[in-house]
Amino acid sequence: MTRDLLVLTILAAVLGGCAAPRWMPFIGKSRGSDPNTARLAPPPGQQPPAPARVPVAPSADSVADRIVAVVNNDAITLGELQETIAGYRQENRGAVSVTDEELIQQFLTRIIENRLQLQEAEREKIVVEDVEVDEELTERMKRFGAKTKEDLEAMVKAQGLSVEAVKKKVRDAVRVSKIIRRKVTLRVSVTEDEIDRYLTANREKLETGLSYHARHILLTPPGTSDAAWEAARIRADMIRAQILEGTDFAELARQHSQDASAKDGGDLGTLKRGELASEVETQILGLQEHETSRPYRSALGYHIFRLESKETLEGEGLQRARQQVREILFRQKYEARLEAWLKEIKQRAIIEVRM
């Protein structure tokens, strides 16, 4: 990883820049405003902050310092927005399909969200200890390939930045995670009754991902006449009788099956539900484990199936499914709660967008 990529990735990561942020409707133009200015109307009785003036012919430095949004008197600069987008582009080189304008809107929204959450953390007096910052920084260093803090410091300084600036962003990220835990995560729970209801309503969908293991013998008729088909059926009945008497299914498959799986003792391997034709799968999954089917006729001939094993929503399979459902329901509730909380803090905020 290059130095540029490491630094930009660290800076982008603390703002959650690795994933495309949600679009939120609060960015819009107010009636009678400048066409380059957008704002959220302040609550009744509350005055919006005075707009910042932008130089007519700004220098490179002043362009970076240009205020693109104000969140409760807390300014967001163009340089901050550009830095976040650059980090995202570095991480996703060749995979960014959206336009520059879309990226600007999306990441400005993300930064505004982040700023609101930091303000909430301040209001709630969320404290982040130095040891927490160091632990988080160490974890990120591992992900980004910096072996020591000295390596990180050298990389950061090479970009004209300071370690303290990076630590501040990491501290802010920890504060945001703490306020989200307090306001969202700890207020979400999933009950056993909710899991039961989900399992009942979605049992077929959950079973689709379960696997099974089967064997197969195919006996094709020696011709197309009824007599040829009857001869194939009689052979199939005789082979099944041998299996029921204890003859090894795999050995009989090797001797008699005309399917490509014969050399493997008729082994079809481990299959996911839906991989075979539905009528064939119905025949197999209708069996108990180690049970052999009656001869089944298809366009190819007569089939004898043996179910070796199958996953079910019972026992360990049921416990895995319940855990999967718990995670699905928790994520749904978490997203809904997070959205509601963000909406709440936006409604009592003054947000002015100047782009």
Protein backbone atom coordinates (compact mmCIF):
# COMPACT_ATOMS: atom_id res chain seq x y z
CA MET A 1 0.00 0.00 0.00
CA THR A 2 1.40 3.40 -0.94
CA ARG A 3 1.83 6.19 1.57
CA ASP A 4 -0.88 8.22 -0.13
CA LEU A 5 -3.27 5.31 0.05
CA LEU A 6 -2.53 4.57 3.70
CA VAL A 7 -3.08 8.11 4.90
CA LEU A 8 -6.15 8.73 2.78
CA THR A 9 -7.62 5.38 3.76
CA ILE A 10 -7.19 6.13 7.46
CA LEU A 11 -8.83 9.50 7.05
CA ALA A 12 -11.68 8.11 4.96
CA ALA A 13 -12.25 5.14 7.22
CA VAL A 14 -12.95 7.23 10.29
CA LEU A 15 -15.84 8.79 8.42
CA GLY A 16 -17.10 5.49 7.12
CA GLY A 17 -16.02 6.36 3.60
CA CYS A 18 -15.61 2.72 2.49
CA ALA A 19 -19.27 2.34 1.65
CA ALA A 20 -21.50 4.57 -0.41
CA PRO A 21 -23.50 6.63 2.09
CA ARG A 22 -27.25 6.94 2.12
CA TRP A 23 -28.88 9.84 0.34
CA MET A 24 -30.88 11.93 2.79
CA PRO A 25 -33.61 14.39 1.81
CA PHE A 26 -32.59 17.26 4.08
CA ILE A 27 -30.23 18.70 1.46
CA GLY A 28 -32.43 20.97 -0.58
CA LYS A 29 -32.80 24.59 -1.68
CA SER A 30 -34.80 27.01 0.40
CA ARG A 31 -37.33 29.34 -1.13
CA GLY A 32 -35.81 32.61 -2.32
CA SER A 33 -32.25 31.54 -1.57
CA ASP A 34 -29.21 31.93 -3.70
CA PRO A 35 -29.15 29.17 -6.35
CA ASN A 36 -25.80 28.01 -4.96
CA THR A 37 -27.07 27.91 -1.40
CA ALA A 38 -29.21 25.23 0.26
CA ARG A 39 -30.42 25.17 3.83
CA LEU A 40 -32.68 23.42 6.27
CA ALA A 41 -35.12 25.85 7.82
CA PRO A 42 -34.35 26.42 11.55
CA PRO A 43 -36.91 25.57 14.22
CA PRO A 44 -39.39 28.34 15.08
CA GLY A 45 -37.81 31.10 17.13
CA GLN A 46 -34.27 30.03 16.34
CA GLN A 47 -32.05 32.09 14.08
CA PRO A 48 -29.78 30.45 11.49
CA PRO A 49 -26.05 31.19 11.59
CA ALA A 50 -24.75 34.08 9.54
CA PRO A 51 -23.56 32.85 6.14
CA ALA A 52 -19.83 32.82 5.54
CA ARG A 53 -18.47 35.00 2.76
CA VAL A 54 -16.48 33.33 0.00
CA PRO A 55 -13.73 35.38 -1.74
CA VAL A 56 -14.46 36.27 -5.33
CA ALA A 57 -11.00 35.17 -6.50
CA PRO A 58 -9.81 32.68 -3.91
CA SER A 59 -6.31 31.28 -3.67
CA ALA A 60 -5.67 27.53 -3.59
CA ASP A 61 -5.55 27.56 0.21
CA SER A 62 -8.71 29.58 0.57
CA VAL A 63 -10.56 27.29 -1.83
CA ALA A 64 -9.78 24.36 0.47
CA ASP A 65 -11.00 26.46 3.41
CA ARG A 66 -14.24 27.35 1.65
CA ILE A 67 -17.22 26.42 3.82
CA VAL A 68 -19.56 24.01 2.03
CA ALA A 69 -21.92 23.34 4.92
CA VAL A 70 -22.68 24.53 8.43
CA VAL A 71 -24.08 22.15 11.04
CA ASN A 72 -25.23 23.97 14.17
CA ASN A 73 -22.52 26.64 13.68
CA ASP A 74 -19.92 23.90 13.01
CA ALA A 75 -18.37 24.44 9.57
CA ILE A 76 -17.49 21.77 7.03
CA THR A 77 -14.86 22.85 4.50
CA LEU A 78 -14.34 21.97 0.88
CA GLY A 79 -10.90 20.61 1.79
CA GLU A 80 -12.44 18.16 4.25
CA LEU A 81 -14.92 16.99 1.63
CA GLN A 82 -12.23 16.61 -1.04
CA GLU A 83 -9.98 14.68 1.36
CA THR A 84 -12.73 12.17 2.13
CA ILE A 85 -13.62 11.66 -1.53
CA ALA A 86 -9.94 11.23 -2.43
CA GLY A 87 -9.59 8.50 0.17
CA TYR A 88 -12.65 6.72 -1.18
CA ARG A 89 -11.34 6.92 -4.74
CA GLN A 90 -7.95 5.56 -3.66
CA GLU A 91 -9.57 2.58 -1.94
CA ASN A 92 -11.87 1.87 -4.87
CA ARG A 93 -9.64 2.59 -7.84
CA GLY A 94 -11.34 1.43 -11.03
CA ALA A 95 -14.55 0.56 -9.21
CA VAL A 96 -16.13 4.00 -8.77
CA SER A 97 -19.03 4.22 -11.20
CA VAL A 98 -20.84 7.31 -9.88
CA THR A 99 -20.23 10.85 -11.11
CA ASP A 100 -18.24 13.49 -9.25
CA GLU A 101 -21.45 15.36 -8.46
CA GLU A 102 -23.01 12.24 -6.96
CA LEU A 103 -19.90 11.60 -4.87
CA ILE A 104 -19.96 15.18 -3.58
CA GLN A 105 -23.61 14.92 -2.56
CA GLN A 106 -23.18 11.49 -0.99
CA PHE A 107 -20.06 12.26 0.99
CA LEU A 108 -21.25 15.66 2.08
CA THR A 109 -24.29 13.89 3.48
CA ARG A 110 -22.04 11.40 5.27
CA ILE A 111 -19.86 14.14 6.78
CA ILE A 112 -22.94 16.05 7.94
CA GLU A 113 -24.25 12.87 9.59
CA ASN A 114 -20.90 12.33 11.25
CA ARG A 115 -20.76 15.91 12.51
CA LEU A 116 -24.26 15.63 13.99
CA GLN A 117 -23.30 12.43 15.78
CA LEU A 118 -20.15 14.04 17.19
CA GLN A 119 -22.23 16.93 18.46
CA GLU A 120 -24.60 14.48 20.12
CA ALA A 121 -21.62 12.73 21.73
CA GLU A 122 -20.47 16.10 23.05
CA ARG A 123 -23.95 16.86 24.38
CA GLU A 124 -24.05 13.44 26.08
CA LYS A 125 -20.56 14.06 27.51
CA ILE A 126 -19.10 10.95 25.85
CA VAL A 127 -15.46 10.57 26.93
CA VAL A 128 -12.76 8.74 24.96
CA GLU A 129 -9.63 7.80 26.86
CA ASP A 130 -6.18 7.99 25.28
CA VAL A 131 -5.77 4.22 25.67
CA GLU A 132 -8.90 3.69 23.55
CA VAL A 133 -7.48 5.87 20.80
CA ASP A 134 -4.18 3.98 20.91
CA GLU A 135 -5.96 0.61 20.72
CA GLU A 136 -8.05 1.70 17.75
CA LEU A 137 -5.06 3.22 16.00
CA THR A 138 -3.06 0.01 16.53
CA GLU A 139 -5.89 -2.05 15.06
CA ARG A 140 -6.09 0.17 12.00
CA MET A 141 -2.33 0.11 11.55
CA LYS A 142 -2.53 -3.69 11.27
CA ARG A 143 -5.16 -3.41 8.55
CA PHE A 144 -3.21 -0.79 6.62
CA GLY A 145 0.19 -2.49 6.86
CA ALA A 146 2.03 -0.03 9.13
CA LYS A 147 4.15 -2.18 11.47
CA THR A 148 5.02 0.48 14.03
CA LYS A 149 3.79 3.87 15.15
CA GLU A 150 7.02 5.31 13.83
CA ASP A 151 6.13 3.95 10.36
CA LEU A 152 2.74 5.58 10.59
CA GLU A 153 4.18 8.86 11.80
CA ALA A 154 6.67 8.94 8.91
CA MET A 155 3.94 8.22 6.35
CA VAL A 156 1.64 10.87 7.78
CA LYS A 157 4.37 13.52 7.97
CA ALA A 158 5.38 12.77 4.38
CA GLN A 159 1.94 14.02 3.39
CA GLY A 160 2.28 17.23 5.35
CA LEU A 161 -0.11 16.02 8.05
CA SER A 162 0.37 15.47 11.75
CA VAL A 163 -0.13 12.35 13.81
CA GLU A 164 -2.25 14.42 16.17
CA ALA A 165 -4.65 15.23 13.34
CA VAL A 166 -5.00 11.54 12.54
CA LYS A 167 -5.46 10.71 16.22
CA LYS A 168 -8.18 13.33 16.46
CA LYS A 169 -10.07 11.67 13.63
CA VAL A 170 -9.66 8.28 15.29
CA ARG A 171 -10.86 9.76 18.59
CA ASP A 172 -13.89 11.19 16.81
CA ALA A 173 -14.62 7.79 15.25
CA VAL A 174 -14.52 6.12 18.68
CA ARG A 175 -16.82 8.80 20.08
CA VAL A 176 -19.30 8.23 17.27
CA SER A 177 -19.24 4.47 17.86
CA LYS A 178 -19.91 5.08 21.56
CA ILE A 179 -22.85 7.40 21.00
CA ILE A 180 -24.35 4.99 18.45
CA ARG A 181 -23.96 2.15 20.93
CA ARG A 182 -25.73 4.20 23.60
CA LYS A 183 -28.51 5.60 21.41
CA VAL A 184 -29.04 2.72 18.98
CA THR A 185 -27.33 -0.62 19.64
CA LEU A 186 -28.27 -0.97 23.31
CA ARG A 187 -31.88 -0.12 22.50
CA VAL A 188 -32.31 -2.95 20.01
CA SER A 189 -33.30 -6.47 21.06
CA VAL A 190 -34.73 -9.55 19.37
CA THR A 191 -37.11 -11.88 21.23
CA GLU A 192 -37.48 -15.64 20.83
CA ASP A 193 -41.12 -15.13 19.74
CA GLU A 194 -39.97 -12.86 16.92
CA ILE A 195 -37.50 -15.52 15.78
CA ASP A 196 -40.24 -18.18 15.89
CA ARG A 197 -42.57 -16.05 13.77
CA TYR A 198 -39.84 -15.35 11.23
CA LEU A 199 -38.97 -19.05 10.98
CA THR A 200 -42.61 -19.95 10.40
CA ALA A 201 -43.08 -17.31 7.71
CA ASN A 202 -39.76 -17.95 5.94
CA ARG A 203 -39.12 -21.66 6.50
CA GLU A 204 -39.08 -22.53 2.79
CA LYS A 205 -36.63 -19.72 2.03
CA LEU A 206 -34.33 -20.78 4.87
CA GLU A 207 -34.42 -24.41 3.76
CA THR A 208 -33.24 -23.39 0.29
CA GLY A 209 -29.74 -22.89 1.60
CA LEU A 210 -29.57 -26.32 3.24
CA SER A 211 -27.54 -29.11 1.65
CA TYR A 212 -27.99 -32.86 1.20
CA HIS A 213 -25.91 -35.82 0.04
CA ALA A 214 -27.34 -38.50 -2.27
CA ARG A 215 -26.45 -41.44 -4.50
CA HIS A 216 -28.10 -42.52 -7.74
CA ILE A 217 -28.46 -45.47 -10.10
CA LEU A 218 -29.81 -44.95 -13.63
CA LEU A 219 -31.13 -47.81 -15.77
CA THR A 220 -31.94 -46.82 -19.35
CA PRO A 221 -34.30 -48.99 -21.46
CA PRO A 222 -32.68 -51.01 -24.31
CA GLY A 223 -35.12 -49.45 -26.76
CA THR A 224 -38.14 -47.17 -27.01
CA SER A 225 -40.89 -49.80 -26.96
CA ASP A 226 -43.13 -50.47 -24.00
CA ALA A 227 -41.42 -53.84 -23.59
CA ALA A 228 -38.03 -52.16 -23.35
CA TRP A 229 -39.27 -49.77 -20.68
CA GLU A 230 -40.85 -52.67 -18.78
CA ALA A 231 -37.55 -54.56 -18.88
CA ALA A 232 -35.76 -51.54 -17.41
CA ARG A 233 -38.35 -51.32 -14.63
CA ILE A 234 -37.96 -54.99 -13.75
CA ARG A 235 -34.17 -54.59 -13.56
CA ALA A 236 -34.61 -51.56 -11.31
CA ASP A 237 -36.94 -53.51 -8.98
CA MET A 238 -34.44 -56.36 -8.77
CA ILE A 239 -31.52 -54.01 -7.94
CA ARG A 240 -33.58 -52.24 -5.28
CA ALA A 241 -34.45 -55.61 -3.74
CA GLN A 242 -30.73 -56.41 -3.52
CA ILE A 243 -30.09 -53.09 -1.80
CA LEU A 244 -32.84 -53.75 0.73
CA GLU A 245 -31.29 -57.15 1.43
CA GLY A 246 -28.02 -55.46 2.33
CA THR A 247 -25.98 -55.30 -0.88
CA ASP A 248 -23.82 -52.19 -1.03
CA PHE A 249 -25.54 -49.43 -3.04
CA ALA A 250 -22.23 -48.02 -4.29
CA GLU A 251 -21.09 -51.41 -5.61
CA LEU A 252 -24.38 -51.98 -7.46
CA ALA A 253 -24.12 -48.49 -8.93
CA ARG A 254 -20.66 -49.27 -10.29
CA GLN A 255 -21.95 -52.54 -11.85
CA HIS A 256 -25.28 -51.43 -13.29
CA SER A 257 -25.75 -47.65 -13.40
CA GLN A 258 -25.60 -45.98 -16.81
CA ASP A 259 -25.10 -42.53 -15.31
CA ALA A 260 -21.75 -40.69 -15.31
CA SER A 261 -21.70 -41.03 -11.52
CA ALA A 262 -21.40 -44.83 -11.76
CA LYS A 263 -17.60 -44.80 -11.41
CA ASP A 264 -18.03 -42.98 -8.09
CA GLY A 265 -20.54 -45.49 -6.79
CA GLY A 266 -23.44 -43.31 -7.88
CA ASP A 267 -22.28 -40.49 -5.60
CA LEU A 268 -23.93 -37.18 -6.53
CA GLY A 269 -21.91 -35.36 -3.87
CA THR A 270 -23.19 -32.61 -1.60
CA LEU A 271 -25.94 -30.60 -3.27
CA LYS A 272 -27.75 -27.41 -2.43
CA ARG A 273 -31.51 -27.45 -2.73
CA GLY A 274 -32.50 -26.27 -6.16
CA GLU A 275 -29.47 -27.66 -8.01
CA LEU A 276 -31.34 -30.68 -9.43
CA ALA A 277 -34.63 -30.76 -11.32
CA SER A 278 -37.47 -30.16 -8.87
CA GLU A 279 -39.17 -33.51 -9.56
CA VAL A 280 -35.91 -35.38 -8.93
CA GLU A 281 -35.15 -33.36 -5.80
CA THR A 282 -38.64 -34.09 -4.51
CA GLN A 283 -37.97 -37.82 -4.83
CA ILE A 284 -34.67 -37.54 -2.94
CA LEU A 285 -35.72 -35.18 -0.17
CA GLY A 286 -38.85 -37.23 0.47
CA LEU A 287 -36.60 -40.02 1.79
CA GLN A 288 -35.29 -40.55 5.30
CA GLU A 289 -31.53 -40.67 5.75
CA HIS A 290 -30.06 -43.97 4.38
CA GLU A 291 -33.39 -44.83 2.74
CA THR A 292 -33.55 -46.09 -0.87
CA SER A 293 -36.29 -44.90 -3.18
CA ARG A 294 -38.59 -46.99 -5.33
CA PRO A 295 -37.68 -46.89 -9.04
CA TYR A 296 -38.64 -43.50 -10.49
CA ARG A 297 -39.24 -43.09 -14.21
CA SER A 298 -38.00 -40.05 -16.11
CA ALA A 299 -37.34 -39.35 -19.78
CA LEU A 300 -33.91 -40.94 -19.34
CA GLY A 301 -34.97 -44.19 -17.72
CA TYR A 302 -35.53 -45.56 -14.23
CA HIS A 303 -33.74 -44.02 -11.27
CA ILE A 304 -33.01 -45.40 -7.83
CA PHE A 305 -32.00 -42.78 -5.26
CA ARG A 306 -30.43 -43.16 -1.85
CA LEU A 307 -30.36 -40.25 0.60
CA GLU A 308 -27.17 -40.36 2.63
CA SER A 309 -27.78 -37.23 4.71
CA LYS A 310 -29.55 -33.88 4.65
CA GLU A 311 -29.52 -30.69 6.64
CA THR A 312 -32.82 -29.81 8.25
CA LEU A 313 -34.20 -27.06 10.43
CA GLU A 314 -33.91 -29.39 13.39
CA GLY A 315 -31.21 -29.89 16.01
CA GLU A 316 -27.97 -28.12 15.14
CA GLY A 317 -29.42 -26.97 11.82
CA LEU A 318 -32.27 -25.28 13.67
CA GLN A 319 -29.89 -23.58 16.09
CA ARG A 320 -27.82 -22.24 13.18
CA ALA A 321 -30.99 -21.02 11.48
CA ARG A 322 -32.18 -19.31 14.66
CA GLN A 323 -28.86 -17.50 14.99
CA GLN A 324 -29.05 -16.45 11.35
CA VAL A 325 -32.59 -15.14 11.89
CA ARG A 326 -31.53 -13.33 15.06
CA GLU A 327 -28.83 -11.50 13.10
CA ILE A 328 -31.25 -10.65 10.28
CA LEU A 329 -33.85 -9.23 12.67
CA PHE A 330 -31.23 -7.37 14.72
CA ARG A 331 -29.84 -5.74 11.59
CA GLN A 332 -33.32 -4.70 10.44
CA LYS A 333 -34.14 -3.19 13.83
CA TYR A 334 -30.72 -1.58 14.11
CA GLU A 335 -31.07 0.13 10.73
CA ALA A 336 -34.58 1.33 11.57
CA ARG A 337 -33.50 2.64 14.97
CA LEU A 338 -30.41 4.35 13.51
CA GLU A 339 -32.53 6.00 10.81
CA ALA A 340 -35.04 7.20 13.40
CA TRP A 341 -32.31 8.59 15.64
CA LEU A 342 -30.59 10.41 12.76
CA LYS A 343 -33.93 11.86 11.72
CA GLU A 344 -34.51 13.04 15.27
CA ILE A 345 -31.19 14.84 15.60
CA LYS A 346 -31.56 16.40 12.14
CA GLN A 347 -34.98 17.80 13.00
CA ARG A 348 -33.58 19.78 15.91
CA ALA A 349 -30.47 20.88 14.03
CA ILE A 350 -29.73 23.87 11.81
CA ILE A 351 -28.09 22.56 8.66
CA GLU A 352 -27.05 24.90 5.88
CA VAL A 353 -25.54 23.56 2.67
CA ARG A 354 -23.60 26.06 0.53
CA MET A 355 -22.94 24.17 -2.68
